[in-house]
Amino acid sequence: MTATVPGRPAPDPAWPEATRLLDPVVLTPDEPQSVLALVALLRDCLSRGSRVTWRCRATGGLDLAPLRHLPPPEWSAGEDRAVTDWRDTFRLGLCYYRQGPGFLGVRDVRDPVESAVYVLDEPPLREAFLRCLTPQRLDDWPAQGRAAAEELVAEGLLLRLGGLAVTLPYRMRVWPVPATAV
């Protein structure tokens, strides 16, 4: 029997409460499709409240700082310092969005010195943000959409590797308890 808590969405049978990736993931800029697919998975699991357990090997100098708001990998011997920093700085509420009628509100405090709040109410920005919830090849987009996506890349809201981009903030569906943690 599944109980529904008032104020919380009912469990989604398509999303398990916990996800475990069995093989270590290689985080390298040489594999943009797999890195961006992992980012989308981590983001969506966090959005749904699903725990993720995974391991990684970081190679090739991929900048992991934009990912510090996503669930970090488990510790492994000989890991890169950037992975350790990711695990040490992760907490809920570092970079998320909420959706309203005709706008998206994004809060980004991954870097406390350069924290920002964005209101995406222009249709091209909103559409680029939402379209990149799945990794997208930006070169295939019309000029206006590409320009909007590049603006979001410049603000750190989309991660671009090669010709592909994915949305970084996760959707805050339910406020975490305690709410003062965010």
N, C-alpha and C. Protein backbone atom coordinates (compact mmCIF):
# COMPACT_ATOMS: atom_id res chain seq x y z
N MET A 1 0.85 -1.18 0.00
CA MET A 1 0.00 0.00 0.00
C MET A 1 0.89 1.24 0.00
N THR A 2 0.56 2.20 -0.80
CA THR A 2 1.32 3.45 -0.88
C THR A 2 0.50 4.56 -0.25
N ALA A 3 1.08 5.23 0.74
CA ALA A 3 0.39 6.33 1.40
C ALA A 3 0.76 7.63 0.71
N THR A 4 -0.20 8.52 0.60
CA THR A 4 0.03 9.84 0.03
C THR A 4 0.06 10.85 1.17
N VAL A 5 1.12 11.63 1.23
CA VAL A 5 1.27 12.65 2.25
C VAL A 5 0.67 13.94 1.72
N PRO A 6 -0.21 14.60 2.49
CA PRO A 6 -0.78 15.87 2.01
C PRO A 6 0.32 16.86 1.65
N GLY A 7 0.14 17.54 0.52
CA GLY A 7 1.11 18.53 0.09
C GLY A 7 2.26 17.95 -0.71
N ARG A 8 2.36 16.65 -0.81
CA ARG A 8 3.41 16.01 -1.58
C ARG A 8 2.78 15.26 -2.74
N PRO A 9 3.44 15.26 -3.89
CA PRO A 9 2.87 14.52 -5.01
C PRO A 9 2.89 13.02 -4.73
N ALA A 10 1.96 12.32 -5.32
CA ALA A 10 1.92 10.87 -5.18
C ALA A 10 3.17 10.27 -5.82
N PRO A 11 3.67 9.15 -5.29
CA PRO A 11 4.84 8.53 -5.89
C PRO A 11 4.60 8.20 -7.36
N ASP A 12 5.60 8.39 -8.15
CA ASP A 12 5.52 8.10 -9.58
C ASP A 12 6.13 6.73 -9.82
N PRO A 13 5.34 5.75 -10.26
CA PRO A 13 5.86 4.40 -10.44
C PRO A 13 6.97 4.33 -11.49
N ALA A 14 7.06 5.32 -12.36
CA ALA A 14 8.11 5.32 -13.38
C ALA A 14 9.46 5.73 -12.79
N TRP A 15 9.46 6.32 -11.59
CA TRP A 15 10.70 6.77 -10.96
C TRP A 15 10.91 6.01 -9.66
N PRO A 16 11.96 5.20 -9.59
CA PRO A 16 12.23 4.48 -8.34
C PRO A 16 12.69 5.44 -7.26
N GLU A 17 12.55 5.02 -6.00
CA GLU A 17 13.00 5.85 -4.89
C GLU A 17 14.52 5.92 -4.84
N ALA A 18 15.18 4.94 -5.42
CA ALA A 18 16.64 4.94 -5.44
C ALA A 18 17.12 4.38 -6.78
N THR A 19 18.19 4.98 -7.28
CA THR A 19 18.79 4.55 -8.53
C THR A 19 20.26 4.28 -8.27
N ARG A 20 20.75 3.15 -8.75
CA ARG A 20 22.17 2.81 -8.58
C ARG A 20 22.75 2.50 -9.95
N LEU A 21 23.80 3.24 -10.31
CA LEU A 21 24.53 2.97 -11.53
C LEU A 21 25.65 1.99 -11.17
N LEU A 22 25.66 0.85 -11.81
CA LEU A 22 26.59 -0.21 -11.43
C LEU A 22 28.03 0.03 -11.86
N ASP A 23 28.22 0.54 -13.07
CA ASP A 23 29.57 0.76 -13.58
C ASP A 23 29.99 2.20 -13.34
N PRO A 24 31.29 2.41 -13.06
CA PRO A 24 31.76 3.80 -12.92
C PRO A 24 31.57 4.56 -14.23
N VAL A 25 31.16 5.81 -14.11
CA VAL A 25 30.95 6.69 -15.25
C VAL A 25 32.24 7.45 -15.51
N VAL A 26 32.64 7.54 -16.77
CA VAL A 26 33.82 8.32 -17.12
C VAL A 26 33.35 9.72 -17.50
N LEU A 27 33.80 10.70 -16.73
CA LEU A 27 33.44 12.09 -16.99
C LEU A 27 34.58 12.72 -17.79
N THR A 28 34.38 12.86 -19.08
CA THR A 28 35.39 13.41 -19.96
C THR A 28 34.73 14.27 -21.02
N PRO A 29 35.35 15.38 -21.40
CA PRO A 29 34.77 16.20 -22.46
C PRO A 29 34.78 15.49 -23.82
N ASP A 30 35.50 14.38 -23.92
CA ASP A 30 35.56 13.62 -25.17
C ASP A 30 34.29 12.81 -25.42
N GLU A 31 33.43 12.68 -24.41
CA GLU A 31 32.18 11.93 -24.52
C GLU A 31 30.99 12.82 -24.13
N PRO A 32 30.73 13.89 -24.90
CA PRO A 32 29.69 14.83 -24.48
C PRO A 32 28.31 14.21 -24.34
N GLN A 33 27.94 13.30 -25.23
CA GLN A 33 26.60 12.70 -25.17
C GLN A 33 26.39 11.95 -23.86
N SER A 34 27.37 11.14 -23.44
CA SER A 34 27.19 10.37 -22.21
C SER A 34 27.27 11.25 -20.97
N VAL A 35 28.12 12.29 -20.99
CA VAL A 35 28.21 13.19 -19.84
C VAL A 35 26.90 13.96 -19.68
N LEU A 36 26.36 14.48 -20.78
CA LEU A 36 25.12 15.25 -20.68
C LEU A 36 23.92 14.37 -20.34
N ALA A 37 23.94 13.12 -20.80
CA ALA A 37 22.87 12.19 -20.41
C ALA A 37 22.93 11.91 -18.91
N LEU A 38 24.15 11.78 -18.36
CA LEU A 38 24.30 11.58 -16.92
C LEU A 38 23.80 12.82 -16.16
N VAL A 39 24.17 14.01 -16.63
CA VAL A 39 23.72 15.24 -15.98
C VAL A 39 22.19 15.29 -15.96
N ALA A 40 21.55 14.96 -17.07
CA ALA A 40 20.08 14.95 -17.13
C ALA A 40 19.51 13.92 -16.15
N LEU A 41 20.12 12.75 -16.07
CA LEU A 41 19.64 11.71 -15.14
C LEU A 41 19.77 12.19 -13.69
N LEU A 42 20.93 12.71 -13.32
CA LEU A 42 21.13 13.19 -11.95
C LEU A 42 20.16 14.31 -11.61
N ARG A 43 19.98 15.25 -12.55
CA ARG A 43 19.06 16.37 -12.36
C ARG A 43 17.63 15.88 -12.17
N ASP A 44 17.19 14.95 -13.02
CA ASP A 44 15.82 14.47 -12.95
C ASP A 44 15.58 13.62 -11.70
N CYS A 45 16.56 12.83 -11.30
CA CYS A 45 16.42 12.05 -10.06
C CYS A 45 16.30 12.98 -8.86
N LEU A 46 17.12 14.01 -8.82
CA LEU A 46 17.06 14.98 -7.72
C LEU A 46 15.70 15.67 -7.71
N SER A 47 15.21 16.03 -8.87
CA SER A 47 13.91 16.68 -8.99
C SER A 47 12.79 15.79 -8.47
N ARG A 48 12.90 14.50 -8.71
CA ARG A 48 11.86 13.55 -8.28
C ARG A 48 12.06 13.04 -6.86
N GLY A 49 13.15 13.43 -6.23
CA GLY A 49 13.42 12.95 -4.87
C GLY A 49 13.97 11.55 -4.83
N SER A 50 14.52 11.08 -5.93
CA SER A 50 15.09 9.74 -6.02
C SER A 50 16.57 9.81 -5.67
N ARG A 51 17.02 8.97 -4.73
CA ARG A 51 18.44 8.91 -4.38
C ARG A 51 19.22 8.26 -5.52
N VAL A 52 20.44 8.75 -5.75
CA VAL A 52 21.29 8.19 -6.79
C VAL A 52 22.61 7.80 -6.18
N THR A 53 23.02 6.57 -6.46
CA THR A 53 24.32 6.09 -6.01
C THR A 53 25.11 5.76 -7.26
N TRP A 54 26.30 6.35 -7.36
CA TRP A 54 27.10 6.14 -8.55
C TRP A 54 28.57 6.44 -8.26
N ARG A 55 29.43 5.98 -9.14
CA ARG A 55 30.87 6.22 -9.04
C ARG A 55 31.35 6.79 -10.35
N CYS A 56 32.51 7.47 -10.32
CA CYS A 56 33.00 8.06 -11.56
C CYS A 56 34.52 8.08 -11.59
N ARG A 57 35.02 8.29 -12.81
CA ARG A 57 36.42 8.62 -13.07
C ARG A 57 36.40 9.90 -13.89
N ALA A 58 37.02 10.94 -13.37
CA ALA A 58 37.07 12.22 -14.10
C ALA A 58 38.39 12.27 -14.86
N THR A 59 38.29 12.46 -16.18
CA THR A 59 39.49 12.54 -17.01
C THR A 59 39.35 13.68 -18.00
N GLY A 60 40.45 14.09 -18.54
CA GLY A 60 40.41 15.07 -19.62
C GLY A 60 40.13 16.49 -19.21
N GLY A 61 40.16 16.79 -17.91
CA GLY A 61 39.99 18.17 -17.48
C GLY A 61 38.59 18.72 -17.56
N LEU A 62 37.57 17.89 -17.49
CA LEU A 62 36.19 18.38 -17.50
C LEU A 62 35.95 19.22 -16.24
N ASP A 63 35.42 20.42 -16.40
CA ASP A 63 35.11 21.30 -15.28
C ASP A 63 33.87 20.77 -14.57
N LEU A 64 34.03 20.32 -13.33
CA LEU A 64 32.93 19.74 -12.57
C LEU A 64 32.20 20.77 -11.70
N ALA A 65 32.74 21.98 -11.59
CA ALA A 65 32.12 23.00 -10.73
C ALA A 65 30.66 23.28 -11.09
N PRO A 66 30.27 23.31 -12.39
CA PRO A 66 28.85 23.57 -12.69
C PRO A 66 27.91 22.45 -12.22
N LEU A 67 28.46 21.30 -11.81
CA LEU A 67 27.63 20.16 -11.42
C LEU A 67 27.46 20.03 -9.91
N ARG A 68 28.02 20.92 -9.14
CA ARG A 68 28.05 20.75 -7.69
C ARG A 68 26.67 20.76 -7.03
N HIS A 69 25.63 21.14 -7.75
CA HIS A 69 24.27 21.14 -7.20
C HIS A 69 23.59 19.79 -7.40
N LEU A 70 24.23 18.88 -8.14
CA LEU A 70 23.68 17.56 -8.43
C LEU A 70 24.28 16.52 -7.49
N PRO A 71 23.59 15.39 -7.28
CA PRO A 71 24.12 14.37 -6.37
C PRO A 71 25.51 13.91 -6.81
N PRO A 72 26.50 14.04 -5.92
CA PRO A 72 27.87 13.67 -6.28
C PRO A 72 28.07 12.16 -6.25
N PRO A 73 29.16 11.71 -6.88
CA PRO A 73 29.46 10.28 -6.86
C PRO A 73 29.96 9.84 -5.48
N GLU A 74 29.91 8.54 -5.25
CA GLU A 74 30.49 7.98 -4.03
C GLU A 74 32.00 8.16 -4.07
N TRP A 75 32.61 8.08 -2.90
CA TRP A 75 34.06 8.19 -2.81
C TRP A 75 34.69 6.96 -3.44
N SER A 76 35.82 7.18 -4.12
CA SER A 76 36.61 6.06 -4.63
C SER A 76 38.08 6.42 -4.51
N ALA A 77 38.90 5.42 -4.29
CA ALA A 77 40.34 5.62 -4.10
C ALA A 77 40.95 6.30 -5.32
N GLY A 78 41.82 7.25 -5.08
CA GLY A 78 42.53 7.92 -6.16
C GLY A 78 41.69 8.87 -6.97
N GLU A 79 40.56 9.33 -6.43
CA GLU A 79 39.69 10.19 -7.21
C GLU A 79 40.31 11.58 -7.39
N ASP A 80 39.86 12.25 -8.40
CA ASP A 80 40.28 13.60 -8.73
C ASP A 80 39.84 14.56 -7.63
N ARG A 81 40.64 15.59 -7.34
CA ARG A 81 40.31 16.58 -6.31
C ARG A 81 38.98 17.28 -6.62
N ALA A 82 38.68 17.49 -7.88
CA ALA A 82 37.43 18.16 -8.26
C ALA A 82 36.22 17.33 -7.83
N VAL A 83 36.35 16.01 -7.86
CA VAL A 83 35.25 15.13 -7.42
C VAL A 83 35.06 15.26 -5.91
N THR A 84 36.15 15.30 -5.17
CA THR A 84 36.08 15.48 -3.72
C THR A 84 35.43 16.82 -3.39
N ASP A 85 35.83 17.88 -4.10
CA ASP A 85 35.23 19.20 -3.88
C ASP A 85 33.73 19.18 -4.15
N TRP A 86 33.33 18.47 -5.19
CA TRP A 86 31.91 18.34 -5.53
C TRP A 86 31.15 17.73 -4.36
N ARG A 87 31.68 16.64 -3.83
CA ARG A 87 31.01 15.96 -2.73
C ARG A 87 30.97 16.85 -1.48
N ASP A 88 32.06 17.60 -1.24
CA ASP A 88 32.13 18.45 -0.05
C ASP A 88 31.19 19.66 -0.13
N THR A 89 30.87 20.14 -1.32
CA THR A 89 30.06 21.35 -1.45
C THR A 89 28.59 21.08 -1.79
N PHE A 90 28.25 19.83 -2.11
CA PHE A 90 26.86 19.53 -2.49
C PHE A 90 25.91 19.74 -1.31
N ARG A 91 24.78 20.34 -1.62
CA ARG A 91 23.64 20.41 -0.70
C ARG A 91 22.42 20.76 -1.54
N LEU A 92 21.26 20.51 -0.99
CA LEU A 92 20.03 20.83 -1.71
C LEU A 92 19.88 22.34 -1.88
N GLY A 93 19.29 22.74 -2.98
CA GLY A 93 18.94 24.13 -3.19
C GLY A 93 20.03 25.00 -3.79
N LEU A 94 21.11 24.41 -4.30
CA LEU A 94 22.17 25.23 -4.87
C LEU A 94 21.80 25.81 -6.23
N CYS A 95 21.03 25.06 -7.02
CA CYS A 95 20.64 25.55 -8.35
C CYS A 95 19.37 24.82 -8.77
N TYR A 96 18.26 25.51 -8.70
CA TYR A 96 16.98 24.88 -9.01
C TYR A 96 16.06 25.89 -9.71
N TYR A 97 14.97 25.35 -10.27
CA TYR A 97 13.98 26.24 -10.88
C TYR A 97 12.59 25.84 -10.42
N ARG A 98 11.72 26.82 -10.48
CA ARG A 98 10.29 26.62 -10.21
C ARG A 98 9.57 27.14 -11.45
N GLN A 99 8.46 26.51 -11.77
CA GLN A 99 7.74 26.88 -12.98
C GLN A 99 6.41 27.53 -12.61
N GLY A 100 6.16 28.70 -13.21
CA GLY A 100 4.90 29.40 -13.00
C GLY A 100 4.21 29.56 -14.34
N PRO A 101 3.07 30.20 -14.33
CA PRO A 101 2.36 30.42 -15.61
C PRO A 101 3.10 31.48 -16.44
N GLY A 102 3.74 31.05 -17.51
CA GLY A 102 4.42 31.96 -18.41
C GLY A 102 5.81 32.38 -17.99
N PHE A 103 6.37 31.76 -16.95
CA PHE A 103 7.73 32.10 -16.54
C PHE A 103 8.38 30.94 -15.80
N LEU A 104 9.68 31.01 -15.72
CA LEU A 104 10.47 30.09 -14.91
C LEU A 104 11.29 30.94 -13.95
N GLY A 105 11.31 30.58 -12.70
CA GLY A 105 12.17 31.24 -11.72
C GLY A 105 13.33 30.33 -11.40
N VAL A 106 14.56 30.83 -11.55
CA VAL A 106 15.75 30.03 -11.31
C VAL A 106 16.57 30.69 -10.22
N ARG A 107 17.00 29.88 -9.26
CA ARG A 107 17.89 30.36 -8.19
C ARG A 107 19.18 29.59 -8.31
N ASP A 108 20.29 30.31 -8.37
CA ASP A 108 21.61 29.70 -8.53
C ASP A 108 22.57 30.26 -7.49
N VAL A 109 22.90 29.45 -6.50
CA VAL A 109 23.86 29.84 -5.47
C VAL A 109 25.03 28.85 -5.41
N ARG A 110 25.34 28.22 -6.54
CA ARG A 110 26.48 27.31 -6.58
C ARG A 110 27.75 28.03 -6.20
N ASP A 111 27.87 29.29 -6.59
CA ASP A 111 28.99 30.13 -6.19
C ASP A 111 28.40 31.25 -5.33
N PRO A 112 28.61 31.20 -4.00
CA PRO A 112 27.97 32.19 -3.13
C PRO A 112 28.35 33.63 -3.46
N VAL A 113 29.52 33.84 -4.03
CA VAL A 113 29.96 35.19 -4.38
C VAL A 113 29.18 35.72 -5.59
N GLU A 114 28.84 34.84 -6.51
CA GLU A 114 28.14 35.25 -7.73
C GLU A 114 26.76 34.61 -7.82
N SER A 115 26.04 34.55 -6.69
CA SER A 115 24.71 33.95 -6.71
C SER A 115 23.76 34.83 -7.52
N ALA A 116 22.72 34.20 -8.05
CA ALA A 116 21.80 34.95 -8.91
C ALA A 116 20.41 34.34 -8.86
N VAL A 117 19.43 35.19 -9.13
CA VAL A 117 18.05 34.76 -9.30
C VAL A 117 17.63 35.26 -10.68
N TYR A 118 17.08 34.35 -11.48
CA TYR A 118 16.66 34.68 -12.84
C TYR A 118 15.16 34.48 -12.96
N VAL A 119 14.53 35.33 -13.72
CA VAL A 119 13.14 35.13 -14.11
C VAL A 119 13.15 35.02 -15.63
N LEU A 120 12.88 33.83 -16.12
CA LEU A 120 12.86 33.59 -17.56
C LEU A 120 11.41 33.74 -18.03
N ASP A 121 11.09 34.94 -18.49
CA ASP A 121 9.72 35.19 -18.94
C ASP A 121 9.65 35.48 -20.43
N GLU A 122 10.79 35.55 -21.09
CA GLU A 122 10.80 35.72 -22.54
C GLU A 122 10.66 34.33 -23.19
N PRO A 123 9.70 34.17 -24.10
CA PRO A 123 9.46 32.85 -24.68
C PRO A 123 10.69 32.14 -25.24
N PRO A 124 11.59 32.81 -25.98
CA PRO A 124 12.75 32.07 -26.50
C PRO A 124 13.65 31.49 -25.40
N LEU A 125 13.83 32.24 -24.31
CA LEU A 125 14.64 31.74 -23.19
C LEU A 125 13.97 30.57 -22.50
N ARG A 126 12.68 30.72 -22.24
CA ARG A 126 11.92 29.63 -21.59
C ARG A 126 11.95 28.37 -22.45
N GLU A 127 11.71 28.54 -23.74
CA GLU A 127 11.67 27.39 -24.65
C GLU A 127 13.02 26.70 -24.73
N ALA A 128 14.11 27.47 -24.81
CA ALA A 128 15.45 26.88 -24.86
C ALA A 128 15.76 26.13 -23.57
N PHE A 129 15.41 26.72 -22.43
CA PHE A 129 15.63 26.10 -21.13
C PHE A 129 14.90 24.76 -21.04
N LEU A 130 13.61 24.76 -21.39
CA LEU A 130 12.80 23.55 -21.28
C LEU A 130 13.17 22.52 -22.34
N ARG A 131 13.49 22.97 -23.52
CA ARG A 131 13.87 22.03 -24.59
C ARG A 131 15.15 21.28 -24.23
N CYS A 132 16.06 21.95 -23.53
CA CYS A 132 17.34 21.33 -23.16
C CYS A 132 17.23 20.45 -21.92
N LEU A 133 16.02 20.20 -21.44
CA LEU A 133 15.89 19.21 -20.36
C LEU A 133 16.38 17.85 -20.84
N THR A 134 16.32 17.62 -22.14
CA THR A 134 17.00 16.47 -22.74
C THR A 134 18.15 17.05 -23.57
N PRO A 135 19.30 16.40 -23.58
CA PRO A 135 20.44 16.95 -24.33
C PRO A 135 20.05 17.24 -25.78
N GLN A 136 20.46 18.41 -26.26
CA GLN A 136 20.09 18.90 -27.59
C GLN A 136 21.33 19.30 -28.38
N ARG A 137 21.29 19.08 -29.67
CA ARG A 137 22.33 19.56 -30.58
C ARG A 137 21.93 20.97 -31.01
N LEU A 138 22.63 21.97 -30.49
CA LEU A 138 22.25 23.36 -30.73
C LEU A 138 22.45 23.79 -32.17
N ASP A 139 23.37 23.15 -32.88
CA ASP A 139 23.62 23.53 -34.27
C ASP A 139 22.40 23.31 -35.16
N ASP A 140 21.48 22.45 -34.73
CA ASP A 140 20.28 22.15 -35.52
C ASP A 140 19.15 23.14 -35.26
N TRP A 141 19.32 24.06 -34.33
CA TRP A 141 18.27 24.98 -33.94
C TRP A 141 18.24 26.20 -34.85
N PRO A 142 17.07 26.85 -34.98
CA PRO A 142 17.01 28.14 -35.70
C PRO A 142 17.81 29.19 -34.91
N ALA A 143 18.18 30.27 -35.60
CA ALA A 143 19.07 31.29 -35.03
C ALA A 143 18.56 31.86 -33.70
N GLN A 144 17.26 32.17 -33.60
CA GLN A 144 16.72 32.77 -32.37
C GLN A 144 16.83 31.80 -31.19
N GLY A 145 16.52 30.54 -31.41
CA GLY A 145 16.63 29.54 -30.36
C GLY A 145 18.07 29.32 -29.94
N ARG A 146 18.98 29.28 -30.90
CA ARG A 146 20.40 29.12 -30.62
C ARG A 146 20.93 30.30 -29.81
N ALA A 147 20.51 31.51 -30.17
CA ALA A 147 20.94 32.70 -29.43
C ALA A 147 20.45 32.66 -27.98
N ALA A 148 19.21 32.23 -27.78
CA ALA A 148 18.66 32.11 -26.42
C ALA A 148 19.44 31.05 -25.63
N ALA A 149 19.72 29.92 -26.27
CA ALA A 149 20.47 28.86 -25.60
C ALA A 149 21.87 29.34 -25.23
N GLU A 150 22.52 30.06 -26.12
CA GLU A 150 23.86 30.58 -25.84
C GLU A 150 23.84 31.57 -24.68
N GLU A 151 22.77 32.35 -24.57
CA GLU A 151 22.63 33.26 -23.43
C GLU A 151 22.53 32.48 -22.13
N LEU A 152 21.79 31.37 -22.15
CA LEU A 152 21.66 30.53 -20.97
C LEU A 152 22.97 29.81 -20.65
N VAL A 153 23.73 29.44 -21.67
CA VAL A 153 25.06 28.84 -21.47
C VAL A 153 25.95 29.87 -20.77
N ALA A 154 25.92 31.11 -21.25
CA ALA A 154 26.76 32.16 -20.68
C ALA A 154 26.43 32.42 -19.20
N GLU A 155 25.18 32.23 -18.82
CA GLU A 155 24.78 32.43 -17.42
C GLU A 155 25.00 31.18 -16.57
N GLY A 156 25.42 30.08 -17.19
CA GLY A 156 25.67 28.84 -16.45
C GLY A 156 24.43 28.02 -16.18
N LEU A 157 23.34 28.30 -16.90
CA LEU A 157 22.10 27.55 -16.70
C LEU A 157 21.99 26.36 -17.65
N LEU A 158 22.75 26.38 -18.74
CA LEU A 158 22.88 25.23 -19.63
C LEU A 158 24.35 24.85 -19.64
N LEU A 159 24.62 23.56 -19.71
CA LEU A 159 25.98 23.06 -19.86
C LEU A 159 26.15 22.67 -21.31
N ARG A 160 27.16 23.24 -21.95
CA ARG A 160 27.43 22.92 -23.35
C ARG A 160 28.75 22.17 -23.44
N LEU A 161 28.70 21.03 -24.09
CA LEU A 161 29.90 20.24 -24.40
C LEU A 161 29.83 19.94 -25.88
N GLY A 162 30.84 20.37 -26.62
CA GLY A 162 30.80 20.18 -28.06
C GLY A 162 29.60 20.95 -28.59
N GLY A 163 28.85 20.35 -29.46
CA GLY A 163 27.66 20.99 -30.03
C GLY A 163 26.40 20.69 -29.26
N LEU A 164 26.51 20.01 -28.10
CA LEU A 164 25.34 19.60 -27.32
C LEU A 164 25.19 20.46 -26.07
N ALA A 165 23.95 20.60 -25.59
CA ALA A 165 23.70 21.34 -24.36
C ALA A 165 22.59 20.67 -23.57
N VAL A 166 22.63 20.83 -22.25
CA VAL A 166 21.60 20.30 -21.36
C VAL A 166 21.34 21.32 -20.26
N THR A 167 20.10 21.37 -19.78
CA THR A 167 19.71 22.25 -18.68
C THR A 167 20.32 21.74 -17.38
N LEU A 168 20.91 22.65 -16.59
CA LEU A 168 21.54 22.27 -15.33
C LEU A 168 20.62 22.32 -14.11
N PRO A 169 19.85 23.40 -13.89
CA PRO A 169 19.03 23.44 -12.67
C PRO A 169 18.00 22.32 -12.64
N TYR A 170 17.77 21.80 -11.45
CA TYR A 170 16.72 20.79 -11.30
C TYR A 170 15.43 21.49 -10.89
N ARG A 171 14.32 20.83 -11.15
CA ARG A 171 13.02 21.41 -10.81
C ARG A 171 12.70 21.10 -9.36
N MET A 172 12.46 22.15 -8.59
CA MET A 172 12.10 21.99 -7.19
C MET A 172 10.60 21.74 -7.15
N ARG A 173 10.22 20.48 -7.00
CA ARG A 173 8.80 20.11 -7.00
C ARG A 173 8.21 20.19 -5.60
N VAL A 174 9.02 19.82 -4.61
CA VAL A 174 8.57 19.83 -3.22
C VAL A 174 9.68 20.50 -2.41
N TRP A 175 9.31 21.44 -1.58
CA TRP A 175 10.30 22.13 -0.78
C TRP A 175 10.90 21.15 0.22
N PRO A 176 12.25 21.12 0.31
CA PRO A 176 12.87 20.17 1.25
C PRO A 176 12.63 20.60 2.70
N VAL A 177 12.63 19.63 3.56
CA VAL A 177 12.46 19.89 4.98
C VAL A 177 13.77 19.58 5.64
N PRO A 178 14.36 20.44 6.45
CA PRO A 178 13.84 21.75 6.81
C PRO A 178 14.07 22.75 5.70
N ALA A 179 13.12 23.62 5.49
CA ALA A 179 13.19 24.60 4.41
C ALA A 179 14.32 25.59 4.63
N THR A 180 14.81 25.74 5.86
CA THR A 180 15.92 26.67 6.08
C THR A 180 17.21 26.13 5.50
N ALA A 181 17.24 24.87 5.07
CA ALA A 181 18.44 24.30 4.45
C ALA A 181 18.65 24.84 3.06
N VAL A 182 17.64 25.49 2.48
CA VAL A 182 17.74 25.99 1.11
C VAL A 182 17.95 27.49 1.12
